Amino acid sequence: MSEPTGKYSITMPRDIAEAAKARSGPSGLSAYVAAAVARQIERDNLNEIIQIAEAEHGPITDEEIQSVRDQLHRARNEQAQSGASAA
């Protein structure tokens, strides 16, 4: 069952509203805007977690970020290779 909805009036620049309306497709502008706001809330929550972690453990270095990116890249490659060999 979906969450209850409410009707809200928002103001945004016309060009942004028109671009969103053009991209919203069959689900409509309200669903498109709701999804965009939900993504922004997720980003805000992640930023809060990062701030808390950095306050406790110090800032994340560029080297640490690159190391995690490299690990993800290797894992994706391994997954792709194992998927290709299973086919």
PDB file of N, CA and C in Angstrom:
ATOM      1  N   MET A   1       0.854  -1.179   0.000  1.00  0.00           N
ATOM      2  CA  MET A   1       0.000   0.000   0.000  1.00  0.00           C
ATOM      3  C   MET A   1       0.901   1.244   0.000  1.00  0.00           C
ATOM      4  N   SER A   2       0.554   2.243  -0.771  1.00  0.00           N
ATOM      5  CA  SER A   2       1.387   3.437  -0.859  1.00  0.00           C
ATOM      6  C   SER A   2       1.104   4.386   0.304  1.00  0.00           C
ATOM      7  N   GLU A   3       2.059   5.269   0.504  1.00  0.00           N
ATOM      8  CA  GLU A   3       1.931   6.262   1.565  1.00  0.00           C
ATOM      9  C   GLU A   3       0.824   7.250   1.231  1.00  0.00           C
ATOM     10  N   PRO A   4       0.172   7.795   2.264  1.00  0.00           N
ATOM     11  CA  PRO A   4      -0.818   8.842   1.987  1.00  0.00           C
ATOM     12  C   PRO A   4      -0.143  10.056   1.355  1.00  0.00           C
ATOM     13  N   THR A   5      -0.856  10.758   0.541  1.00  0.00           N
ATOM     14  CA  THR A   5      -0.302  11.934  -0.114  1.00  0.00           C
ATOM     15  C   THR A   5      -0.988  13.193   0.397  1.00  0.00           C
ATOM     16  N   GLY A   6      -0.345  14.309   0.153  1.00  0.00           N
ATOM     17  CA  GLY A   6      -0.909  15.613   0.471  1.00  0.00           C
ATOM     18  C   GLY A   6      -0.727  16.508  -0.734  1.00  0.00           C
ATOM     19  N   LYS A   7      -1.499  17.534  -0.800  1.00  0.00           N
ATOM     20  CA  LYS A   7      -1.389  18.474  -1.912  1.00  0.00           C
ATOM     21  C   LYS A   7      -0.664  19.714  -1.402  1.00  0.00           C
ATOM     22  N   TYR A   8       0.378  20.114  -2.138  1.00  0.00           N
ATOM     23  CA  TYR A   8       1.214  21.246  -1.746  1.00  0.00           C
ATOM     24  C   TYR A   8       1.365  22.189  -2.924  1.00  0.00           C
ATOM     25  N   SER A   9       1.552  23.438  -2.598  1.00  0.00           N
ATOM     26  CA  SER A   9       1.826  24.429  -3.624  1.00  0.00           C
ATOM     27  C   SER A   9       3.287  24.832  -3.479  1.00  0.00           C
ATOM     28  N   ILE A  10       4.046  24.702  -4.569  1.00  0.00           N
ATOM     29  CA  ILE A  10       5.454  25.093  -4.538  1.00  0.00           C
ATOM     30  C   ILE A  10       5.712  26.105  -5.641  1.00  0.00           C
ATOM     31  N   THR A  11       6.781  26.840  -5.475  1.00  0.00           N
ATOM     32  CA  THR A  11       7.190  27.814  -6.470  1.00  0.00           C
ATOM     33  C   THR A  11       8.584  27.442  -6.941  1.00  0.00           C
ATOM     34  N   MET A  12       8.772  27.414  -8.263  1.00  0.00           N
ATOM     35  CA  MET A  12      10.090  27.129  -8.821  1.00  0.00           C
ATOM     36  C   MET A  12      10.224  27.888 -10.129  1.00  0.00           C
ATOM     37  N   PRO A  13      11.460  28.082 -10.582  1.00  0.00           N
ATOM     38  CA  PRO A  13      11.654  28.764 -11.853  1.00  0.00           C
ATOM     39  C   PRO A  13      10.907  28.041 -12.975  1.00  0.00           C
ATOM     40  N   ARG A  14      10.305  28.821 -13.851  1.00  0.00           N
ATOM     41  CA  ARG A  14       9.476  28.275 -14.924  1.00  0.00           C
ATOM     42  C   ARG A  14      10.259  27.316 -15.814  1.00  0.00           C
ATOM     43  N   ASP A  15      11.520  27.636 -16.136  1.00  0.00           N
ATOM     44  CA  ASP A  15      12.281  26.759 -17.031  1.00  0.00           C
ATOM     45  C   ASP A  15      12.528  25.390 -16.390  1.00  0.00           C
ATOM     46  N   ILE A  16      12.760  25.364 -15.081  1.00  0.00           N
ATOM     47  CA  ILE A  16      12.945  24.088 -14.390  1.00  0.00           C
ATOM     48  C   ILE A  16      11.634  23.313 -14.371  1.00  0.00           C
ATOM     49  N   ALA A  17      10.553  23.984 -14.079  1.00  0.00           N
ATOM     50  CA  ALA A  17       9.247  23.327 -14.050  1.00  0.00           C
ATOM     51  C   ALA A  17       8.894  22.744 -15.421  1.00  0.00           C
ATOM     52  N   GLU A  18       9.146  23.492 -16.482  1.00  0.00           N
ATOM     53  CA  GLU A  18       8.828  23.012 -17.828  1.00  0.00           C
ATOM     54  C   GLU A  18       9.709  21.829 -18.210  1.00  0.00           C
ATOM     55  N   ALA A  19      10.994  21.878 -17.850  1.00  0.00           N
ATOM     56  CA  ALA A  19      11.892  20.755 -18.146  1.00  0.00           C
ATOM     57  C   ALA A  19      11.449  19.510 -17.380  1.00  0.00           C
ATOM     58  N   ALA A  20      11.067  19.675 -16.127  1.00  0.00           N
ATOM     59  CA  ALA A  20      10.593  18.545 -15.327  1.00  0.00           C
ATOM     60  C   ALA A  20       9.306  17.981 -15.913  1.00  0.00           C
ATOM     61  N   LYS A  21       8.422  18.853 -16.310  1.00  0.00           N
ATOM     62  CA  LYS A  21       7.148  18.422 -16.897  1.00  0.00           C
ATOM     63  C   LYS A  21       7.387  17.644 -18.182  1.00  0.00           C
ATOM     64  N   ALA A  22       8.332  18.110 -18.994  1.00  0.00           N
ATOM     65  CA  ALA A  22       8.641  17.430 -20.255  1.00  0.00           C
ATOM     66  C   ALA A  22       9.244  16.052 -20.020  1.00  0.00           C
ATOM     67  N   ARG A  23       9.975  15.881 -18.926  1.00  0.00           N
ATOM     68  CA  ARG A  23      10.636  14.615 -18.635  1.00  0.00           C
ATOM     69  C   ARG A  23       9.816  13.676 -17.762  1.00  0.00           C
ATOM     70  N   SER A  24       8.738  14.168 -17.218  1.00  0.00           N
ATOM     71  CA  SER A  24       8.004  13.393 -16.221  1.00  0.00           C
ATOM     72  C   SER A  24       7.318  12.158 -16.774  1.00  0.00           C
ATOM     73  N   GLY A  25       7.019  12.161 -18.046  1.00  0.00           N
ATOM     74  CA  GLY A  25       6.416  10.983 -18.660  1.00  0.00           C
ATOM     75  C   GLY A  25       5.028  10.680 -18.120  1.00  0.00           C
ATOM     76  N   PRO A  26       4.615   9.416 -18.266  1.00  0.00           N
ATOM     77  CA  PRO A  26       3.247   9.053 -17.914  1.00  0.00           C
ATOM     78  C   PRO A  26       2.947   9.119 -16.414  1.00  0.00           C
ATOM     79  N   SER A  27       3.985   9.054 -15.581  1.00  0.00           N
ATOM     80  CA  SER A  27       3.739   9.098 -14.131  1.00  0.00           C
ATOM     81  C   SER A  27       3.353  10.495 -13.666  1.00  0.00           C
ATOM     82  N   GLY A  28       3.685  11.499 -14.447  1.00  0.00           N
ATOM     83  CA  GLY A  28       3.269  12.861 -14.146  1.00  0.00           C
ATOM     84  C   GLY A  28       4.287  13.666 -13.355  1.00  0.00           C
ATOM     85  N   LEU A  29       4.055  14.946 -13.352  1.00  0.00           N
ATOM     86  CA  LEU A  29       4.961  15.891 -12.717  1.00  0.00           C
ATOM     87  C   LEU A  29       5.061  15.662 -11.206  1.00  0.00           C
ATOM     88  N   SER A  30       3.953  15.379 -10.555  1.00  0.00           N
ATOM     89  CA  SER A  30       3.989  15.178  -9.102  1.00  0.00           C
ATOM     90  C   SER A  30       4.901  14.025  -8.721  1.00  0.00           C
ATOM     91  N   ALA A  31       4.802  12.907  -9.430  1.00  0.00           N
ATOM     92  CA  ALA A  31       5.662  11.754  -9.137  1.00  0.00           C
ATOM     93  C   ALA A  31       7.122  12.082  -9.419  1.00  0.00           C
ATOM     94  N   TYR A  32       7.368  12.829 -10.492  1.00  0.00           N
ATOM     95  CA  TYR A  32       8.736  13.207 -10.856  1.00  0.00           C
ATOM     96  C   TYR A  32       9.357  14.088  -9.774  1.00  0.00           C
ATOM     97  N   VAL A  33       8.599  15.074  -9.322  1.00  0.00           N
ATOM     98  CA  VAL A  33       9.088  15.981  -8.279  1.00  0.00           C
ATOM     99  C   VAL A  33       9.263  15.224  -6.960  1.00  0.00           C
ATOM    100  N   ALA A  34       8.329  14.343  -6.625  1.00  0.00           N
ATOM    101  CA  ALA A  34       8.437  13.566  -5.389  1.00  0.00           C
ATOM    102  C   ALA A  34       9.703  12.700  -5.400  1.00  0.00           C
ATOM    103  N   ALA A  35      10.002  12.083  -6.539  1.00  0.00           N
ATOM    104  CA  ALA A  35      11.216  11.261  -6.646  1.00  0.00           C
ATOM    105  C   ALA A  35      12.471  12.120  -6.509  1.00  0.00           C
ATOM    106  N   ALA A  36      12.462  13.308  -7.098  1.00  0.00           N
ATOM    107  CA  ALA A  36      13.615  14.209  -6.999  1.00  0.00           C
ATOM    108  C   ALA A  36      13.828  14.664  -5.563  1.00  0.00           C
ATOM    109  N   VAL A  37      12.761  14.980  -4.876  1.00  0.00           N
ATOM    110  CA  VAL A  37      12.871  15.408  -3.476  1.00  0.00           C
ATOM    111  C   VAL A  37      13.349  14.240  -2.616  1.00  0.00           C
ATOM    112  N   ALA A  38      12.853  13.037  -2.875  1.00  0.00           N
ATOM    113  CA  ALA A  38      13.293  11.858  -2.116  1.00  0.00           C
ATOM    114  C   ALA A  38      14.790  11.627  -2.303  1.00  0.00           C
ATOM    115  N   ARG A  39      15.296  11.784  -3.537  1.00  0.00           N
ATOM    116  CA  ARG A  39      16.740  11.646  -3.781  1.00  0.00           C
ATOM    117  C   ARG A  39      17.525  12.710  -3.029  1.00  0.00           C
ATOM    118  N   GLN A  40      17.020  13.934  -2.992  1.00  0.00           N
ATOM    119  CA  GLN A  40      17.716  15.002  -2.279  1.00  0.00           C
ATOM    120  C   GLN A  40      17.759  14.709  -0.785  1.00  0.00           C
ATOM    121  N   ILE A  41      16.672  14.182  -0.235  1.00  0.00           N
ATOM    122  CA  ILE A  41      16.654  13.827   1.186  1.00  0.00           C
ATOM    123  C   ILE A  41      17.686  12.734   1.461  1.00  0.00           C
ATOM    124  N   GLU A  42      17.792  11.739   0.578  1.00  0.00           N
ATOM    125  CA  GLU A  42      18.807  10.694   0.725  1.00  0.00           C
ATOM    126  C   GLU A  42      20.208  11.303   0.727  1.00  0.00           C
ATOM    127  N   ARG A  43      20.460  12.228  -0.179  1.00  0.00           N
ATOM    128  CA  ARG A  43      21.771  12.893  -0.234  1.00  0.00           C
ATOM    129  C   ARG A  43      22.044  13.686   1.044  1.00  0.00           C
ATOM    130  N   ASP A  44      21.031  14.407   1.507  1.00  0.00           N
ATOM    131  CA  ASP A  44      21.192  15.174   2.749  1.00  0.00           C
ATOM    132  C   ASP A  44      21.515  14.249   3.913  1.00  0.00           C
ATOM    133  N   ASN A  45      20.809  13.109   3.995  1.00  0.00           N
ATOM    134  CA  ASN A  45      21.058  12.144   5.061  1.00  0.00           C
ATOM    135  C   ASN A  45      22.474  11.577   4.974  1.00  0.00           C
ATOM    136  N   LEU A  46      22.923  11.250   3.764  1.00  0.00           N
ATOM    137  CA  LEU A  46      24.289  10.749   3.586  1.00  0.00           C
ATOM    138  C   LEU A  46      25.320  11.798   3.982  1.00  0.00           C
ATOM    139  N   ASN A  47      25.072  13.054   3.615  1.00  0.00           N
ATOM    140  CA  ASN A  47      25.998  14.126   4.003  1.00  0.00           C
ATOM    141  C   ASN A  47      26.081  14.269   5.513  1.00  0.00           C
ATOM    142  N   GLU A  48      24.952  14.107   6.202  1.00  0.00           N
ATOM    143  CA  GLU A  48      24.958  14.163   7.670  1.00  0.00           C
ATOM    144  C   GLU A  48      25.788  13.030   8.243  1.00  0.00           C
ATOM    145  N   ILE A  49      25.643  11.825   7.681  1.00  0.00           N
ATOM    146  CA  ILE A  49      26.434  10.681   8.150  1.00  0.00           C
ATOM    147  C   ILE A  49      27.917  10.932   7.922  1.00  0.00           C
ATOM    148  N   ILE A  50      28.265  11.463   6.766  1.00  0.00           N
ATOM    149  CA  ILE A  50      29.672  11.768   6.463  1.00  0.00           C
ATOM    150  C   ILE A  50      30.217  12.797   7.449  1.00  0.00           C
ATOM    151  N   GLN A  51      29.441  13.837   7.729  1.00  0.00           N
ATOM    152  CA  GLN A  51      29.896  14.866   8.673  1.00  0.00           C
ATOM    153  C   GLN A  51      30.134  14.278  10.057  1.00  0.00           C
ATOM    154  N   ILE A  52      29.237  13.403  10.497  1.00  0.00           N
ATOM    155  CA  ILE A  52      29.393  12.774  11.808  1.00  0.00           C
ATOM    156  C   ILE A  52      30.644  11.891  11.817  1.00  0.00           C
ATOM    157  N   ALA A  53      30.827  11.085  10.771  1.00  0.00           N
ATOM    158  CA  ALA A  53      31.989  10.199  10.690  1.00  0.00           C
ATOM    159  C   ALA A  53      33.288  10.997  10.631  1.00  0.00           C
ATOM    160  N   GLU A  54      33.300  12.075   9.858  1.00  0.00           N
ATOM    161  CA  GLU A  54      34.516  12.887   9.763  1.00  0.00           C
ATOM    162  C   GLU A  54      34.808  13.612  11.073  1.00  0.00           C
ATOM    163  N   ALA A  55      33.776  14.017  11.793  1.00  0.00           N
ATOM    164  CA  ALA A  55      33.986  14.658  13.092  1.00  0.00           C
ATOM    165  C   ALA A  55      34.603  13.670  14.079  1.00  0.00           C
ATOM    166  N   GLU A  56      34.215  12.414  13.950  1.00  0.00           N
ATOM    167  CA  GLU A  56      34.705  11.389  14.874  1.00  0.00           C
ATOM    168  C   GLU A  56      36.055  10.817  14.454  1.00  0.00           C
ATOM    169  N   HIS A  57      36.267  10.644  13.126  1.00  0.00           N
ATOM    170  CA  HIS A  57      37.461   9.945  12.643  1.00  0.00           C
ATOM    171  C   HIS A  57      38.391  10.803  11.792  1.00  0.00           C
ATOM    172  N   GLY A  58      38.038  12.030  11.544  1.00  0.00           N
ATOM    173  CA  GLY A  58      38.832  12.888  10.675  1.00  0.00           C
ATOM    174  C   GLY A  58      38.319  12.828   9.249  1.00  0.00           C
ATOM    175  N   PRO A  59      38.764  13.785   8.434  1.00  0.00           N
ATOM    176  CA  PRO A  59      38.277  13.851   7.054  1.00  0.00           C
ATOM    177  C   PRO A  59      38.704  12.638   6.232  1.00  0.00           C
ATOM    178  N   ILE A  60      37.883  12.320   5.260  1.00  0.00           N
ATOM    179  CA  ILE A  60      38.192  11.235   4.332  1.00  0.00           C
ATOM    180  C   ILE A  60      39.165  11.788   3.293  1.00  0.00           C
ATOM    181  N   THR A  61      40.255  11.060   3.079  1.00  0.00           N
ATOM    182  CA  THR A  61      41.269  11.537   2.137  1.00  0.00           C
ATOM    183  C   THR A  61      40.918  11.134   0.708  1.00  0.00           C
ATOM    184  N   ASP A  62      41.527  11.822  -0.235  1.00  0.00           N
ATOM    185  CA  ASP A  62      41.340  11.469  -1.647  1.00  0.00           C
ATOM    186  C   ASP A  62      41.831  10.047  -1.912  1.00  0.00           C
ATOM    187  N   GLU A  63      42.904   9.649  -1.219  1.00  0.00           N
ATOM    188  CA  GLU A  63      43.450   8.302  -1.392  1.00  0.00           C
ATOM    189  C   GLU A  63      42.455   7.242  -0.912  1.00  0.00           C
ATOM    190  N   GLU A  64      41.769   7.508   0.195  1.00  0.00           N
ATOM    191  CA  GLU A  64      40.769   6.565   0.701  1.00  0.00           C
ATOM    192  C   GLU A  64      39.596   6.448  -0.274  1.00  0.00           C
ATOM    193  N   ILE A  65      39.183   7.571  -0.811  1.00  0.00           N
ATOM    194  CA  ILE A  65      38.088   7.560  -1.780  1.00  0.00           C
ATOM    195  C   ILE A  65      38.493   6.765  -3.012  1.00  0.00           C
ATOM    196  N   GLN A  66      39.710   6.997  -3.516  1.00  0.00           N
ATOM    197  CA  GLN A  66      40.177   6.275  -4.704  1.00  0.00           C
ATOM    198  C   GLN A  66      40.304   4.788  -4.417  1.00  0.00           C
ATOM    199  N   SER A  67      40.739   4.421  -3.234  1.00  0.00           N
ATOM    200  CA  SER A  67      40.867   3.013  -2.863  1.00  0.00           C
ATOM    201  C   SER A  67      39.509   2.316  -2.908  1.00  0.00           C
ATOM    202  N   VAL A  68      38.495   2.961  -2.382  1.00  0.00           N
ATOM    203  CA  VAL A  68      37.151   2.373  -2.406  1.00  0.00           C
ATOM    204  C   VAL A  68      36.635   2.298  -3.839  1.00  0.00           C
ATOM    205  N   ARG A  69      36.893   3.321  -4.640  1.00  0.00           N
ATOM    206  CA  ARG A  69      36.481   3.276  -6.049  1.00  0.00           C
ATOM    207  C   ARG A  69      37.154   2.105  -6.763  1.00  0.00           C
ATOM    208  N   ASP A  70      38.448   1.897  -6.486  1.00  0.00           N
ATOM    209  CA  ASP A  70      39.170   0.787  -7.101  1.00  0.00           C
ATOM    210  C   ASP A  70      38.575  -0.554  -6.679  1.00  0.00           C
ATOM    211  N   GLN A  71      38.239  -0.697  -5.402  1.00  0.00           N
ATOM    212  CA  GLN A  71      37.627  -1.933  -4.912  1.00  0.00           C
ATOM    213  C   GLN A  71      36.294  -2.194  -5.604  1.00  0.00           C
ATOM    214  N   LEU A  72      35.472  -1.150  -5.731  1.00  0.00           N
ATOM    215  CA  LEU A  72      34.181  -1.298  -6.412  1.00  0.00           C
ATOM    216  C   LEU A  72      34.372  -1.683  -7.874  1.00  0.00           C
ATOM    217  N   HIS A  73      35.343  -1.062  -8.518  1.00  0.00           N
ATOM    218  CA  HIS A  73      35.619  -1.363  -9.923  1.00  0.00           C
ATOM    219  C   HIS A  73      36.038  -2.827 -10.077  1.00  0.00           C
ATOM    220  N   ARG A  74      36.929  -3.305  -9.205  1.00  0.00           N
ATOM    221  CA  ARG A  74      37.361  -4.704  -9.264  1.00  0.00           C
ATOM    222  C   ARG A  74      36.180  -5.650  -9.016  1.00  0.00           C
ATOM    223  N   ALA A  75      35.350  -5.325  -8.022  1.00  0.00           N
ATOM    224  CA  ALA A  75      34.195  -6.175  -7.707  1.00  0.00           C
ATOM    225  C   ALA A  75      33.229  -6.233  -8.881  1.00  0.00           C
ATOM    226  N   ARG A  76      32.996  -5.097  -9.539  1.00  0.00           N
ATOM    227  CA  ARG A  76      32.105  -5.084 -10.699  1.00  0.00           C
ATOM    228  C   ARG A  76      32.677  -5.915 -11.840  1.00  0.00           C
ATOM    229  N   ASN A  77      33.976  -5.789 -12.051  1.00  0.00           N
ATOM    230  CA  ASN A  77      34.614  -6.579 -13.109  1.00  0.00           C
ATOM    231  C   ASN A  77      34.519  -8.072 -12.815  1.00  0.00           C
ATOM    232  N   GLU A  78      34.780  -8.455 -11.565  1.00  0.00           N
ATOM    233  CA  GLU A  78      34.679  -9.866 -11.182  1.00  0.00           C
ATOM    234  C   GLU A  78      33.253 -10.366 -11.350  1.00  0.00           C
ATOM    235  N   GLN A  79      32.286  -9.542 -10.973  1.00  0.00           N
ATOM    236  CA  GLN A  79      30.884  -9.934 -11.099  1.00  0.00           C
ATOM    237  C   GLN A  79      30.519 -10.096 -12.573  1.00  0.00           C
ATOM    238  N   ALA A  80      30.970  -9.186 -13.397  1.00  0.00           N
ATOM    239  CA  ALA A  80      30.677  -9.265 -14.835  1.00  0.00           C
ATOM    240  C   ALA A  80      31.316 -10.506 -15.440  1.00  0.00           C
ATOM    241  N   GLN A  81      32.527 -10.811 -15.034  1.00  0.00           N
ATOM    242  CA  GLN A  81      33.219 -11.982 -15.576  1.00  0.00           C
ATOM    243  C   GLN A  81      32.547 -13.268 -15.114  1.00  0.00           C
ATOM    244  N   SER A  82      32.136 -13.326 -13.857  1.00  0.00           N
ATOM    245  CA  SER A  82      31.478 -14.543 -13.376  1.00  0.00           C
ATOM    246  C   SER A  82      30.097 -14.691 -14.017  1.00  0.00           C
ATOM    247  N   GLY A  83      29.432 -13.592 -14.295  1.00  0.00           N
ATOM    248  CA  GLY A  83      28.146 -13.648 -14.980  1.00  0.00           C
ATOM    249  C   GLY A  83      28.292 -14.100 -16.421  1.00  0.00           C
ATOM    250  N   ALA A  84      29.372 -13.660 -17.067  1.00  0.00           N
ATOM    251  CA  ALA A  84      29.607 -14.043 -18.461  1.00  0.00           C
ATOM    252  C   ALA A  84      29.980 -15.516 -18.560  1.00  0.00           C
ATOM    253  N   SER A  85      30.718 -16.023 -17.589  1.00  0.00           N
ATOM    254  CA  SER A  85      31.109 -17.433 -17.639  1.00  0.00           C
ATOM    255  C   SER A  85      29.959 -18.354 -17.277  1.00  0.00           C
ATOM    256  N   ALA A  86      28.976 -17.839 -16.545  1.00  0.00           N
ATOM    257  CA  ALA A  86      27.814 -18.646 -16.168  1.00  0.00           C
ATOM    258  C   ALA A  86      26.825 -18.764 -17.322  1.00  0.00           C
ATOM    259  N   ALA A  87      26.918 -17.857 -18.281  1.00  0.00           N
ATOM    260  CA  ALA A  87      25.953 -17.836 -19.394  1.00  0.00           C
ATOM    261  C   ALA A  87      26.262 -18.831 -20.457  1.00  0.00           C
TER     262      ALA A  87
END
